[in-house]
C-alpha atoms as a PDB file:
ATOM      1  CA  MET A   1       0.000   0.000   0.000  1.00  0.00           C
ATOM      2  CA  THR A   2       1.496   3.283  -1.036  1.00  0.00           C
ATOM      3  CA  GLN A   3       1.238   6.491   0.930  1.00  0.00           C
ATOM      4  CA  SER A   4      -1.212   7.966  -1.590  1.00  0.00           C
ATOM      5  CA  GLU A   5      -3.728   5.054  -1.406  1.00  0.00           C
ATOM      6  CA  PRO A   6      -5.344   6.085   1.914  1.00  0.00           C
ATOM      7  CA  ARG A   7      -5.763   9.611   0.556  1.00  0.00           C
ATOM      8  CA  VAL A   8      -7.452   8.308  -2.618  1.00  0.00           C
ATOM      9  CA  ALA A   9      -9.846   6.188  -0.535  1.00  0.00           C
ATOM     10  CA  ARG A  10     -10.654   9.159   1.715  1.00  0.00           C
ATOM     11  CA  ASP A  11     -11.287  11.386  -1.303  1.00  0.00           C
ATOM     12  CA  MET A  12     -13.615   8.744  -2.771  1.00  0.00           C
ATOM     13  CA  LEU A  13     -15.627   8.596   0.457  1.00  0.00           C
ATOM     14  CA  THR A  14     -16.131  12.356   0.538  1.00  0.00           C
ATOM     15  CA  GLU A  15     -17.563  12.231  -3.001  1.00  0.00           C
ATOM     16  CA  LEU A  16     -20.400   9.870  -2.029  1.00  0.00           C
ATOM     17  CA  PRO A  17     -23.890  11.382  -1.607  1.00  0.00           C
ATOM     18  CA  ASN A  18     -25.305  11.871   1.869  1.00  0.00           C
ATOM     19  CA  VAL A  19     -27.910   9.234   2.663  1.00  0.00           C
ATOM     20  CA  VAL A  20     -30.474   9.061   5.444  1.00  0.00           C
ATOM     21  CA  ALA A  21     -32.094   5.710   6.144  1.00  0.00           C
ATOM     22  CA  GLY A  22     -34.704   4.858   8.706  1.00  0.00           C
ATOM     23  CA  PHE A  23     -37.240   2.298   9.777  1.00  0.00           C
ATOM     24  CA  ASP A  24     -40.914   3.009  10.307  1.00  0.00           C
ATOM     25  CA  GLY A  25     -41.559   0.132  12.661  1.00  0.00           C
ATOM     26  CA  SER A  26     -44.399  -1.384  10.671  1.00  0.00           C
ATOM     27  CA  VAL A  27     -44.646  -5.137  10.227  1.00  0.00           C
ATOM     28  CA  ASP A  28     -45.670  -6.427   6.829  1.00  0.00           C
ATOM     29  CA  THR A  29     -47.765  -9.503   6.311  1.00  0.00           C
ATOM     30  CA  ILE A  30     -46.434 -11.810   3.647  1.00  0.00           C
ATOM     31  CA  LEU A  31     -48.964 -13.898   1.753  1.00  0.00           C
ATOM     32  CA  GLN A  32     -48.419 -16.854  -0.550  1.00  0.00           C
ATOM     33  CA  ALA A  33     -50.829 -17.454  -3.393  1.00  0.00           C
ATOM     34  CA  VAL A  34     -52.041 -21.050  -3.345  1.00  0.00           C
ATOM     35  CA  SER A  35     -51.942 -23.016  -6.587  1.00  0.00           C
ATOM     36  CA  ALA A  36     -53.368 -26.253  -5.125  1.00  0.00           C
ATOM     37  CA  ARG A  37     -54.435 -27.219  -1.618  1.00  0.00           C
ATOM     38  CA  HIS A  38     -53.752 -30.846  -0.613  1.00  0.00           C
ATOM     39  CA  ALA A  39     -54.728 -30.689   3.071  1.00  0.00           C
ATOM     40  CA  PRO A  40     -55.433 -27.910   5.593  1.00  0.00           C
ATOM     41  CA  ASP A  41     -51.696 -27.353   6.140  1.00  0.00           C
ATOM     42  CA  GLU A  42     -50.360 -28.713   2.828  1.00  0.00           C
ATOM     43  CA  PHE A  43     -50.419 -26.749  -0.394  1.00  0.00           C
ATOM     44  CA  THR A  44     -48.496 -25.999  -3.555  1.00  0.00           C
ATOM     45  CA  PRO A  45     -47.722 -22.277  -3.830  1.00  0.00           C
ATOM     46  CA  VAL A  46     -47.978 -20.348  -7.080  1.00  0.00           C
ATOM     47  CA  ALA A  47     -44.456 -20.664  -8.485  1.00  0.00           C
ATOM     48  CA  THR A  48     -44.092 -17.648 -10.789  1.00  0.00           C
ATOM     49  CA  ALA A  49     -45.500 -14.196 -11.416  1.00  0.00           C
ATOM     50  CA  GLU A  50     -46.635 -15.460 -14.829  1.00  0.00           C
ATOM     51  CA  GLU A  51     -48.676 -18.232 -13.195  1.00  0.00           C
ATOM     52  CA  PHE A  52     -50.189 -15.739 -10.743  1.00  0.00           C
ATOM     53  CA  GLY A  53     -51.067 -13.420 -13.652  1.00  0.00           C
ATOM     54  CA  ARG A  54     -52.879 -16.234 -15.452  1.00  0.00           C
ATOM     55  CA  MET A  55     -54.689 -17.112 -12.249  1.00  0.00           C
ATOM     56  CA  VAL A  56     -56.094 -13.623 -11.638  1.00  0.00           C
ATOM     57  CA  SER A  57     -56.600 -12.384 -15.195  1.00  0.00           C
ATOM     58  CA  ALA A  58     -59.067 -14.974 -16.519  1.00  0.00           C
ATOM     59  CA  ALA A  59     -61.738 -12.575 -17.846  1.00  0.00           C
ATOM     60  CA  GLY A  60     -65.310 -13.774 -17.527  1.00  0.00           C
ATOM     61  CA  VAL A  61     -64.328 -16.815 -15.508  1.00  0.00           C
ATOM     62  CA  GLY A  62     -65.157 -17.209 -11.835  1.00  0.00           C
ATOM     63  CA  ARG A  63     -62.078 -17.754  -9.708  1.00  0.00           C
ATOM     64  CA  ASN A  64     -61.656 -18.531  -6.035  1.00  0.00           C
ATOM     65  CA  ALA A  65     -58.147 -17.309  -5.213  1.00  0.00           C
ATOM     66  CA  LYS A  66     -56.632 -18.552  -1.964  1.00  0.00           C
ATOM     67  CA  PHE A  67     -53.799 -16.988  -0.046  1.00  0.00           C
ATOM     68  CA  ARG A  68     -51.868 -18.225   2.969  1.00  0.00           C
ATOM     69  CA  ARG A  69     -49.935 -16.195   5.517  1.00  0.00           C
ATOM     70  CA  SER A  70     -46.263 -17.081   5.657  1.00  0.00           C
END
């Protein structure tokens, strides 16, 4: 490490933008879309966004969508 390397690193750090980050304290609920239910506690989740899109976009077709809390 040369004598100029710490100075270069320090100069790079002073060029970074100031950032403020915080937490709001809320707790999200994560849901899983159910593709097939096998038993009350056994199911196959929807695997892809494409599959979920097909599931919810069937125009003119009745659909019973099920979700499970993770």
